[in-house]
Each structure stands twice: as structure tokens, then as C-alpha cells.
């Protein structure tokens, strides 16, 4: 699967979900529905993935959490907030950096039009896929 094909599917699903549910729910609602839709389509999805951080000899278990990891290649961070603070873009970049992964999306459902809540985030030094 190519990353652009996968992100196109995610965009279509987000628009579908947003049009059916609207912009007023909690993040966990959109997360659960999106996860459900992706699994229905046959994609591998890991939800609320807790990951460690290594710092020198120190290993901090469960140091950060990823909303959804799709096909070991795309990090999805879901929000339902207006306005969207820029710090959330940094959050996704940090997650990508710690995973050594290239592609992420920040999806904010608290918008009038879902197209305004879809943002791609990149780590130019990351890998295409986690082995």
C-alpha cells in the first residue's frame, strides 16, 4: 500500500464520519469510529499505543501515547478542539521522530467542514514503515 492511497482513504473516512456524527463529540468517539471503519476495510490498526522513551541508560515505559497507528506506516492524532493550538503539530512531529516514522496526520473534528481539520505532518528523516 502506498502512503498517498492510505491517506486518501483516511480523508474519505473522516469526511464520512464528520458528516454523519457532526463536530460536537469527544475525541474518543471519532477515534473509535475511525478505528472501526479502518478495521472493516481490512487495515491493521493499533489504538492508544503506549510507547517508551530511551534517554541515556534510562528507559521510561509508557512515556507517550499514539491515538492510532495504521499499517505500521501512518500515525493519526485525533482532536476535537477549536481553535487548534499549534502545539498539536509538534506533538505529532515528536511522535514521528520517536518512532522514526515519516508520515502522520493531525485530524481535528471540531470544524464546520472536515477538509479544514485535516493536516498532514512529516518527519523527513523517518522511515516509510515500522519493521
C-alpha atoms as a PDB file:
ATOM      1  CA  UNK A   1       0.000   0.000   0.000  1.00  0.00           C
ATOM      2  CA  UNK A   2       1.253   3.453  -0.913  1.00  0.00           C
ATOM      3  CA  UNK A   3       1.048   6.203   1.705  1.00  0.00           C
ATOM      4  CA  UNK A   4      -0.914   8.564  -0.555  1.00  0.00           C
ATOM      5  CA  UNK A   5      -3.543   5.871  -1.150  1.00  0.00           C
ATOM      6  CA  UNK A   6      -3.827   5.276   2.580  1.00  0.00           C
ATOM      7  CA  UNK A   7      -4.130   8.972   3.422  1.00  0.00           C
ATOM      8  CA  UNK A   8      -6.820   9.376   0.732  1.00  0.00           C
ATOM      9  CA  UNK A   9      -8.821   6.588   2.383  1.00  0.00           C
ATOM     10  CA  UNK A  10      -8.380   8.262   5.792  1.00  0.00           C
ATOM     11  CA  UNK A  11      -9.565  11.602   4.386  1.00  0.00           C
ATOM     12  CA  UNK A  12     -12.655  10.000   2.832  1.00  0.00           C
ATOM     13  CA  UNK A  13     -13.482   8.188   6.085  1.00  0.00           C
ATOM     14  CA  UNK A  14     -13.052  11.360   8.152  1.00  0.00           C
ATOM     15  CA  UNK A  15     -15.403  13.273   5.873  1.00  0.00           C
ATOM     16  CA  UNK A  16     -17.934  10.422   6.083  1.00  0.00           C
ATOM     17  CA  UNK A  17     -17.697  10.274   9.886  1.00  0.00           C
ATOM     18  CA  UNK A  18     -17.879  14.052  10.266  1.00  0.00           C
ATOM     19  CA  UNK A  19     -20.937  14.288   8.024  1.00  0.00           C
ATOM     20  CA  UNK A  20     -22.758  11.567   9.988  1.00  0.00           C
ATOM     21  CA  UNK A  21     -21.716  12.433  13.551  1.00  0.00           C
ATOM     22  CA  UNK A  22     -21.026  16.176  13.317  1.00  0.00           C
ATOM     23  CA  UNK A  23     -18.377  18.293  15.058  1.00  0.00           C
ATOM     24  CA  UNK A  24     -19.610  18.100  18.653  1.00  0.00           C
ATOM     25  CA  UNK A  25     -18.355  14.785  20.071  1.00  0.00           C
ATOM     26  CA  UNK A  26     -15.360  13.890  22.210  1.00  0.00           C
ATOM     27  CA  UNK A  27     -12.123  12.819  20.505  1.00  0.00           C
ATOM     28  CA  UNK A  28     -12.536   9.232  21.701  1.00  0.00           C
ATOM     29  CA  UNK A  29     -15.801   8.919  19.768  1.00  0.00           C
ATOM     30  CA  UNK A  30     -14.165   9.858  16.458  1.00  0.00           C
ATOM     31  CA  UNK A  31     -11.190   7.655  17.276  1.00  0.00           C
ATOM     32  CA  UNK A  32     -13.335   4.611  17.946  1.00  0.00           C
ATOM     33  CA  UNK A  33     -15.440   5.137  14.821  1.00  0.00           C
ATOM     34  CA  UNK A  34     -12.402   5.723  12.583  1.00  0.00           C
ATOM     35  CA  UNK A  35     -10.705   2.634  14.016  1.00  0.00           C
ATOM     36  CA  UNK A  36     -13.876   0.620  13.382  1.00  0.00           C
ATOM     37  CA  UNK A  37     -14.118   1.844   9.774  1.00  0.00           C
ATOM     38  CA  UNK A  38     -10.454   1.061   9.049  1.00  0.00           C
ATOM     39  CA  UNK A  39     -10.728  -2.436  10.513  1.00  0.00           C
ATOM     40  CA  UNK A  40     -13.874  -3.043   8.444  1.00  0.00           C
ATOM     41  CA  UNK A  41     -11.795  -2.250   5.356  1.00  0.00           C
ATOM     42  CA  UNK A  42      -9.156  -4.771   6.437  1.00  0.00           C
ATOM     43  CA  UNK A  43      -6.417  -2.438   7.671  1.00  0.00           C
ATOM     44  CA  UNK A  44      -4.139  -3.173  10.602  1.00  0.00           C
ATOM     45  CA  UNK A  45      -4.812  -0.557  13.279  1.00  0.00           C
ATOM     46  CA  UNK A  46      -3.261  -0.167  16.712  1.00  0.00           C
ATOM     47  CA  UNK A  47      -5.192   2.080  19.065  1.00  0.00           C
ATOM     48  CA  UNK A  48      -3.944   4.027  22.099  1.00  0.00           C
ATOM     49  CA  UNK A  49      -0.466   2.636  21.613  1.00  0.00           C
ATOM     50  CA  UNK A  50       1.764   3.305  24.631  1.00  0.00           C
ATOM     51  CA  UNK A  51       5.448   3.552  23.792  1.00  0.00           C
ATOM     52  CA  UNK A  52       8.664   4.014  25.773  1.00  0.00           C
ATOM     53  CA  UNK A  53      11.357   6.663  25.545  1.00  0.00           C
ATOM     54  CA  UNK A  54      15.059   5.889  25.954  1.00  0.00           C
ATOM     55  CA  UNK A  55      17.249   8.603  27.401  1.00  0.00           C
ATOM     56  CA  UNK A  56      20.870   7.651  28.072  1.00  0.00           C
ATOM     57  CA  UNK A  57      20.600   4.481  30.182  1.00  0.00           C
ATOM     58  CA  UNK A  58      17.105   5.409  31.306  1.00  0.00           C
ATOM     59  CA  UNK A  59      14.063   3.739  29.749  1.00  0.00           C
ATOM     60  CA  UNK A  60      10.720   5.324  30.561  1.00  0.00           C
ATOM     61  CA  UNK A  61       7.947   2.828  29.970  1.00  0.00           C
ATOM     62  CA  UNK A  62       4.679   4.168  28.531  1.00  0.00           C
ATOM     63  CA  UNK A  63       6.160   7.645  28.037  1.00  0.00           C
ATOM     64  CA  UNK A  64       3.879   8.701  25.216  1.00  0.00           C
ATOM     65  CA  UNK A  65       0.698   7.559  23.531  1.00  0.00           C
ATOM     66  CA  UNK A  66      -0.398   7.413  19.903  1.00  0.00           C
ATOM     67  CA  UNK A  67      -4.104   7.569  19.096  1.00  0.00           C
ATOM     68  CA  UNK A  68      -3.928   5.330  16.009  1.00  0.00           C
ATOM     69  CA  UNK A  69      -1.120   3.657  14.073  1.00  0.00           C
ATOM     70  CA  UNK A  70      -2.326   2.378  10.702  1.00  0.00           C
ATOM     71  CA  UNK A  71      -0.465  -0.327   8.763  1.00  0.00           C
ATOM     72  CA  UNK A  72       2.729   0.453  10.745  1.00  0.00           C
ATOM     73  CA  UNK A  73       3.208   3.464   8.478  1.00  0.00           C
ATOM     74  CA  UNK A  74       0.860   6.291   9.463  1.00  0.00           C
ATOM     75  CA  UNK A  75       0.377   7.977  12.846  1.00  0.00           C
ATOM     76  CA  UNK A  76      -3.061   9.531  13.367  1.00  0.00           C
ATOM     77  CA  UNK A  77      -3.608  12.075  16.123  1.00  0.00           C
ATOM     78  CA  UNK A  78      -7.268  12.975  16.588  1.00  0.00           C
ATOM     79  CA  UNK A  79      -8.534  16.160  18.166  1.00  0.00           C
ATOM     80  CA  UNK A  80     -11.874  17.820  18.767  1.00  0.00           C
ATOM     81  CA  UNK A  81     -10.909  21.355  19.705  1.00  0.00           C
ATOM     82  CA  UNK A  82     -11.382  24.875  18.360  1.00  0.00           C
ATOM     83  CA  UNK A  83      -9.164  26.653  17.688  1.00  0.00           C
ATOM     84  CA  UNK A  84      -6.480  24.063  17.050  1.00  0.00           C
ATOM     85  CA  UNK A  85      -3.335  25.038  19.006  1.00  0.00           C
ATOM     86  CA  UNK A  86      -0.058  24.763  17.032  1.00  0.00           C
ATOM     87  CA  UNK A  87       1.430  22.614  19.814  1.00  0.00           C
ATOM     88  CA  UNK A  88      -0.510  19.619  18.455  1.00  0.00           C
ATOM     89  CA  UNK A  89       1.559  19.711  15.264  1.00  0.00           C
ATOM     90  CA  UNK A  90       4.667  19.497  17.452  1.00  0.00           C
ATOM     91  CA  UNK A  91       3.123  16.553  19.290  1.00  0.00           C
ATOM     92  CA  UNK A  92       2.727  14.599  16.034  1.00  0.00           C
ATOM     93  CA  UNK A  93       6.245  15.534  14.900  1.00  0.00           C
ATOM     94  CA  UNK A  94       7.635  14.293  18.211  1.00  0.00           C
ATOM     95  CA  UNK A  95       5.715  11.029  17.911  1.00  0.00           C
ATOM     96  CA  UNK A  96       7.032  10.526  14.379  1.00  0.00           C
ATOM     97  CA  UNK A  97      10.569  11.305  15.495  1.00  0.00           C
ATOM     98  CA  UNK A  98      10.426   8.906  18.443  1.00  0.00           C
ATOM     99  CA  UNK A  99       9.042   6.165  16.191  1.00  0.00           C
ATOM    100  CA  UNK A 100      11.494   7.061  13.412  1.00  0.00           C
ATOM    101  CA  UNK A 101       8.486   7.183  11.084  1.00  0.00           C
ATOM    102  CA  UNK A 102       7.887   9.567   8.193  1.00  0.00           C
ATOM    103  CA  UNK A 103       4.115  10.143   7.909  1.00  0.00           C
ATOM    104  CA  UNK A 104       1.445  11.423  10.262  1.00  0.00           C
ATOM    105  CA  UNK A 105      -1.894  13.176  10.186  1.00  0.00           C
ATOM    106  CA  UNK A 106      -3.474  15.568  12.641  1.00  0.00           C
ATOM    107  CA  UNK A 107      -7.265  15.250  12.348  1.00  0.00           C
ATOM    108  CA  UNK A 108      -9.415  17.856  14.066  1.00  0.00           C
ATOM    109  CA  UNK A 109     -13.149  17.105  14.014  1.00  0.00           C
ATOM    110  CA  UNK A 110     -14.323  20.331  15.692  1.00  0.00           C
ATOM    111  CA  UNK A 111     -14.597  22.222  12.407  1.00  0.00           C
ATOM    112  CA  UNK A 112     -17.536  23.179  10.225  1.00  0.00           C
ATOM    113  CA  UNK A 113     -16.030  21.488   7.162  1.00  0.00           C
ATOM    114  CA  UNK A 114     -13.873  18.419   7.757  1.00  0.00           C
ATOM    115  CA  UNK A 115     -11.479  19.410   4.959  1.00  0.00           C
ATOM    116  CA  UNK A 116     -10.372  22.272   7.220  1.00  0.00           C
ATOM    117  CA  UNK A 117      -9.471  19.827  10.003  1.00  0.00           C
ATOM    118  CA  UNK A 118      -7.191  17.522   8.004  1.00  0.00           C
ATOM    119  CA  UNK A 119      -3.446  18.140   8.246  1.00  0.00           C
ATOM    120  CA  UNK A 120      -0.522  16.017   7.082  1.00  0.00           C
ATOM    121  CA  UNK A 121       2.603  16.067   9.214  1.00  0.00           C
ATOM    122  CA  UNK A 122       6.030  14.828   8.115  1.00  0.00           C
ATOM    123  CA  UNK A 123       9.314  13.719   9.601  1.00  0.00           C
ATOM    124  CA  UNK A 124      11.715  13.983   6.669  1.00  0.00           C
ATOM    125  CA  UNK A 125      14.258  11.773   8.426  1.00  0.00           C
ATOM    126  CA  UNK A 126      11.870   8.921   9.257  1.00  0.00           C
ATOM    127  CA  UNK A 127      11.259   5.580   7.620  1.00  0.00           C
ATOM    128  CA  UNK A 128       8.264   4.794   5.429  1.00  0.00           C
ATOM    129  CA  UNK A 129       7.212   1.894   7.659  1.00  0.00           C
ATOM    130  CA  UNK A 130       7.995   0.349  11.020  1.00  0.00           C
ATOM    131  CA  UNK A 131       9.515  -3.108  10.573  1.00  0.00           C
END
